[in-house]
Amino acid sequence: MNEIQKYIDKYCFTSEENRRFARSNFTKLVHTNARFEGVNTTLPQTQTIMDGMSVAGVPVEDVLTIVNLKRGWQYVTVQDEPLTLAMEKQINKIVAAEDALVPGDLRQGQGGVNLGGEEFFEPPLIDEQQEQVFLQKILIDSQITTTDKALTVMYHNMRQQIFWDGNKRTATLSANKIMIDGGAGLINVPLDKWDKWNELIADYYRTNDMTKIKQWTYDNAIQGLDVRKNKEKD
C-alpha cells in the first residue's frame, strides 16, 4: 500500500462545515490539548472556565492555559487563508502567551526535550527560511492528501521545537488548520491513548522517522462525523 492510499482522507467536509464541526467541539479539543501542560481539569470544569467563570481549586496558570487554547482554536477557525509560518507564529503567541520566553518568536539557540529519566533530545537550530520552504512544499504537494499533510507538519514541528515553548499545542492547532481547510476532519488523540502516544513521540524524537506515529495517529485520532465519512475509503 503506498503513502497516498494509506493516508487517504477519512472525512469529506467543506471547509465551512469543518469549521463548524471544530467549533462544536471546542471544549473537548481544549480539554485534550491542555493536557500537554499537565492540566487535569474535568470536561465540565474546562467548559466552566471557557465560559468565563472560576472553578475552585484550579490554579491560575491552568485557567490561563485553557483560556489561551480557546483563543487559539478560535483563531484557527476564522482564518480563510492557507496556513503560513506567520500564522504559526500567531498561534504560538496566543497559546504560549504565559509560558514562552518570547511568545510567537522562533527559537533562537539551543533547546531540549526530556524523554524520560535522564534522556534528553536536543533539536536542531532553527532556520526560518528552511521552515518556510518546508511548510510551503508540503502544502502545495498535490500528490499527498490533506490528512497526510497535516500529520507531517504536526510531527515535524513538534520535533523541530521551532518555538521557545508551546510547541505541541502550536503544532496540533496548526495541523488542524490544515485539516479544516481541506475538510478532512480533526486530529485529536483521546486522553486514554496518551500513554502510547507519548511513547511513540519519544521514539520519533530519537529516530526522526515519523512512519509509525503517523500511522498510529491516523488509526486512532482522526475524528469527524459519520455523515461525512469518505465513501471512497471503504
Protein backbone atom coordinates (compact mmCIF):
# COMPACT_ATOMS: atom_id res chain seq x y z
CA MET A 1 0.00 0.00 0.00
CA ASN A 2 1.56 3.32 -0.95
CA GLU A 3 1.61 6.50 1.12
CA ILE A 4 -1.28 8.17 -0.75
CA GLN A 5 -3.61 5.19 -0.22
CA LYS A 6 -2.52 4.71 3.38
CA TYR A 7 -3.46 8.21 4.43
CA ILE A 8 -6.50 8.82 2.27
CA ASP A 9 -8.75 11.41 3.93
CA LYS A 10 -11.27 9.67 6.19
CA TYR A 11 -13.78 12.53 6.01
CA CYS A 12 -15.05 14.89 3.33
CA PHE A 13 -16.38 18.15 4.78
CA THR A 14 -16.48 21.55 3.12
CA SER A 15 -14.08 23.87 4.90
CA GLU A 16 -17.01 25.77 6.42
CA GLU A 17 -18.60 22.53 7.66
CA ASN A 18 -15.26 21.55 9.16
CA ARG A 19 -15.00 24.92 10.92
CA ARG A 20 -18.46 24.41 12.42
CA PHE A 21 -17.51 20.89 13.47
CA ALA A 22 -14.41 22.22 15.22
CA ARG A 23 -16.37 24.98 16.96
CA SER A 24 -18.95 22.49 18.19
CA ASN A 25 -16.10 20.52 19.78
CA PHE A 26 -14.08 23.40 21.27
CA THR A 27 -14.49 22.16 24.85
CA LYS A 28 -13.30 18.63 24.07
CA LEU A 29 -10.40 19.93 21.95
CA VAL A 30 -9.24 22.42 24.57
CA HIS A 31 -9.67 19.84 27.35
CA THR A 32 -7.42 17.41 25.47
CA ASN A 33 -4.80 19.94 24.33
CA ALA A 34 -4.46 21.37 27.85
CA ARG A 35 -3.04 18.02 28.96
CA PHE A 36 0.21 18.96 27.19
CA GLU A 37 0.72 21.37 30.09
CA GLY A 38 -0.37 18.91 32.75
CA VAL A 39 -3.80 20.48 33.21
CA ASN A 40 -6.09 17.89 34.80
CA THR A 41 -9.45 19.65 34.85
CA THR A 42 -12.56 17.65 34.11
CA LEU A 43 -14.54 18.32 30.94
CA PRO A 44 -17.26 20.25 32.87
CA GLN A 45 -14.58 22.31 34.66
CA THR A 46 -12.95 23.10 31.33
CA GLN A 47 -16.31 24.25 29.96
CA THR A 48 -16.94 26.44 33.02
CA ILE A 49 -13.54 28.13 32.62
CA MET A 50 -14.13 28.63 28.89
CA ASP A 51 -17.45 30.28 29.79
CA GLY A 52 -15.52 32.85 31.82
CA MET A 53 -16.28 31.57 35.31
CA SER A 54 -13.91 30.50 38.05
CA VAL A 55 -13.54 26.94 39.33
CA ALA A 56 -12.47 26.30 42.91
CA GLY A 57 -9.14 24.55 43.27
CA VAL A 58 -7.92 25.12 39.69
CA PRO A 59 -4.59 27.03 39.64
CA VAL A 60 -4.48 30.35 37.81
CA GLU A 61 -1.85 29.02 35.38
CA ASP A 62 -4.17 26.16 34.39
CA VAL A 63 -7.03 28.60 33.84
CA LEU A 64 -4.79 30.71 31.58
CA THR A 65 -3.71 27.63 29.60
CA ILE A 66 -7.37 26.77 28.94
CA VAL A 67 -8.35 30.33 28.05
CA ASN A 68 -5.41 30.71 25.68
CA LEU A 69 -6.14 27.40 23.98
CA LYS A 70 -9.74 28.51 23.46
CA ARG A 71 -8.42 31.70 21.83
CA GLY A 72 -6.04 29.64 19.69
CA TRP A 73 -8.85 27.43 18.42
CA GLN A 74 -10.98 30.49 17.74
CA TYR A 75 -8.10 31.95 15.73
CA VAL A 76 -7.57 28.90 13.50
CA THR A 77 -11.29 28.61 12.74
CA VAL A 78 -11.66 32.17 11.44
CA GLN A 79 -8.62 32.31 9.14
CA ASP A 80 -9.62 31.96 5.48
CA GLU A 81 -6.11 31.88 4.03
CA PRO A 82 -3.96 28.71 3.98
CA LEU A 83 -1.58 28.09 6.86
CA THR A 84 1.65 30.11 6.81
CA LEU A 85 4.63 30.35 9.13
CA ALA A 86 3.30 33.79 10.16
CA MET A 87 0.05 32.11 11.25
CA GLU A 88 2.00 29.51 13.20
CA LYS A 89 3.81 32.34 14.98
CA GLN A 90 0.46 33.93 15.84
CA ILE A 91 -0.91 30.62 17.13
CA ASN A 92 2.15 30.28 19.37
CA LYS A 93 1.81 33.88 20.53
CA ILE A 94 -1.73 33.08 21.65
CA VAL A 95 -1.37 29.62 23.22
CA ALA A 96 2.06 30.17 24.82
CA ALA A 97 1.41 33.75 25.96
CA GLU A 98 2.04 32.91 29.62
CA ASP A 99 4.93 30.45 29.42
CA ALA A 100 7.17 31.06 26.39
CA LEU A 101 10.36 33.09 26.68
CA VAL A 102 9.25 35.17 23.69
CA PRO A 103 5.74 34.09 22.59
CA GLY A 104 5.37 33.99 18.81
CA ASP A 105 9.10 34.13 18.08
CA LEU A 106 11.04 31.24 16.57
CA ARG A 107 13.53 29.62 18.89
CA GLN A 108 17.00 31.13 18.62
CA GLY A 109 19.51 29.00 20.47
CA GLN A 110 19.59 25.51 21.92
CA GLY A 111 16.56 23.71 23.25
CA GLY A 112 15.90 20.37 24.86
CA VAL A 113 13.10 17.86 25.48
CA ASN A 114 13.07 15.40 28.37
CA LEU A 115 12.26 11.92 27.01
CA GLY A 116 12.12 10.38 30.46
CA GLY A 117 14.69 9.71 33.15
CA GLU A 118 17.95 11.40 32.21
CA GLU A 119 17.41 11.13 28.46
CA PHE A 120 17.16 14.42 26.58
CA PHE A 121 16.54 15.15 22.92
CA GLU A 122 18.24 18.25 21.56
CA PRO A 123 16.50 19.61 18.44
CA PRO A 124 18.44 21.29 15.63
CA LEU A 125 18.88 25.04 15.44
CA ILE A 126 16.02 26.76 13.61
CA ASP A 127 16.43 28.30 10.18
CA GLU A 128 13.34 30.41 9.42
CA GLN A 129 13.76 30.20 5.65
CA GLN A 130 14.06 26.42 5.78
CA GLU A 131 10.89 26.19 7.86
CA GLN A 132 9.01 28.38 5.38
CA VAL A 133 10.21 26.25 2.45
CA PHE A 134 9.29 23.04 4.25
CA LEU A 135 5.75 24.21 5.01
CA GLN A 136 5.07 25.54 1.52
CA LYS A 137 6.49 22.43 -0.13
CA ILE A 138 4.15 20.23 1.89
CA LEU A 139 1.07 22.39 1.38
CA ILE A 140 1.40 22.65 -2.42
CA ASP A 141 2.15 18.95 -2.98
CA SER A 142 -0.85 17.63 -4.91
CA GLN A 143 0.34 14.04 -4.53
CA ILE A 144 -0.44 13.79 -0.82
CA THR A 145 -3.75 14.10 0.98
CA THR A 146 -4.84 16.77 3.43
CA THR A 147 -4.56 14.32 6.33
CA ASP A 148 -1.03 13.34 5.35
CA LYS A 149 0.00 16.99 5.05
CA ALA A 150 -1.42 17.78 8.48
CA LEU A 151 0.26 14.82 10.18
CA THR A 152 3.60 15.59 8.53
CA VAL A 153 3.54 19.25 9.54
CA MET A 154 2.39 18.43 13.08
CA TYR A 155 5.14 15.95 13.84
CA HIS A 156 7.85 17.88 12.02
CA ASN A 157 7.05 20.97 14.08
CA MET A 158 6.94 19.05 17.35
CA ARG A 159 10.38 17.53 16.80
CA GLN A 160 11.95 20.71 15.47
CA GLN A 161 10.78 22.61 18.58
CA ILE A 162 10.56 25.71 16.40
CA PHE A 163 9.28 27.91 19.23
CA TRP A 164 10.59 28.57 22.74
CA ASP A 165 7.60 26.86 24.35
CA GLY A 166 4.14 25.57 23.48
CA ASN A 167 5.40 23.54 20.53
CA LYS A 168 2.99 20.62 20.84
CA ARG A 169 0.00 22.91 21.31
CA THR A 170 1.07 25.09 18.38
CA ALA A 171 1.83 22.10 16.13
CA THR A 172 -1.53 20.50 16.92
CA LEU A 173 -3.53 23.65 16.16
CA SER A 174 -1.50 24.31 13.00
CA ALA A 175 -2.14 20.77 11.77
CA ASN A 176 -5.84 21.15 12.49
CA LYS A 177 -5.89 24.38 10.50
CA ILE A 178 -4.70 22.27 7.52
CA MET A 179 -7.37 19.63 8.27
CA ILE A 180 -10.10 22.27 8.46
CA ASP A 181 -9.04 23.95 5.21
CA GLY A 182 -9.08 20.60 3.43
CA GLY A 183 -12.32 19.41 5.02
CA ALA A 184 -10.65 16.27 6.42
CA GLY A 185 -11.98 16.34 9.99
CA LEU A 186 -9.83 16.93 13.07
CA ILE A 187 -6.77 15.43 14.73
CA ASN A 188 -7.46 14.82 18.43
CA VAL A 189 -5.81 11.96 20.33
CA PRO A 190 -8.18 10.57 23.01
CA LEU A 191 -6.78 11.03 26.52
CA ASP A 192 -6.98 7.29 27.26
CA LYS A 193 -4.43 6.72 24.47
CA TRP A 194 -1.91 9.36 25.56
CA ASP A 195 0.47 6.90 27.26
CA LYS A 196 1.03 5.08 23.98
CA TRP A 197 1.12 8.35 22.05
CA ASN A 198 3.84 9.75 24.31
CA GLU A 199 5.89 6.57 23.84
CA LEU A 200 5.63 6.96 20.07
CA ILE A 201 6.53 10.67 20.23
CA ALA A 202 9.67 9.89 22.24
CA ASP A 203 10.65 7.15 19.79
CA TYR A 204 10.10 9.52 16.87
CA TYR A 205 12.28 12.18 18.51
CA ARG A 206 15.06 9.59 18.83
CA THR A 207 14.84 8.22 15.29
CA ASN A 208 13.44 11.11 13.19
CA ASP A 209 11.24 8.51 11.47
CA MET A 210 7.58 9.52 11.71
CA THR A 211 6.17 6.47 9.88
CA LYS A 212 4.91 4.64 12.99
CA ILE A 213 3.50 7.66 14.77
CA LYS A 214 1.72 8.92 11.65
CA GLN A 215 0.09 5.53 11.08
CA TRP A 216 -0.92 5.22 14.73
CA THR A 217 -2.38 8.74 14.74
CA TYR A 218 -4.23 8.03 11.51
CA ASP A 219 -5.73 4.88 13.04
CA ASN A 220 -6.60 6.36 16.44
CA ALA A 221 -7.02 10.13 16.30
CA ILE A 222 -8.75 11.33 13.13
CA GLN A 223 -12.21 12.50 14.11
CA GLY A 224 -15.24 13.54 12.09
CA LEU A 225 -18.93 12.83 11.54
CA ASP A 226 -20.29 9.56 10.16
CA VAL A 227 -22.39 11.51 7.68
CA ARG A 228 -19.17 12.96 6.24
CA LYS A 229 -17.20 9.71 6.02
CA ASN A 230 -15.30 9.33 2.80
CA LYS A 231 -17.16 6.61 0.91
CA GLU A 232 -14.19 6.13 -1.43
CA LYS A 233 -12.16 4.95 1.55
CA ASP A 234 -14.46 1.98 2.24
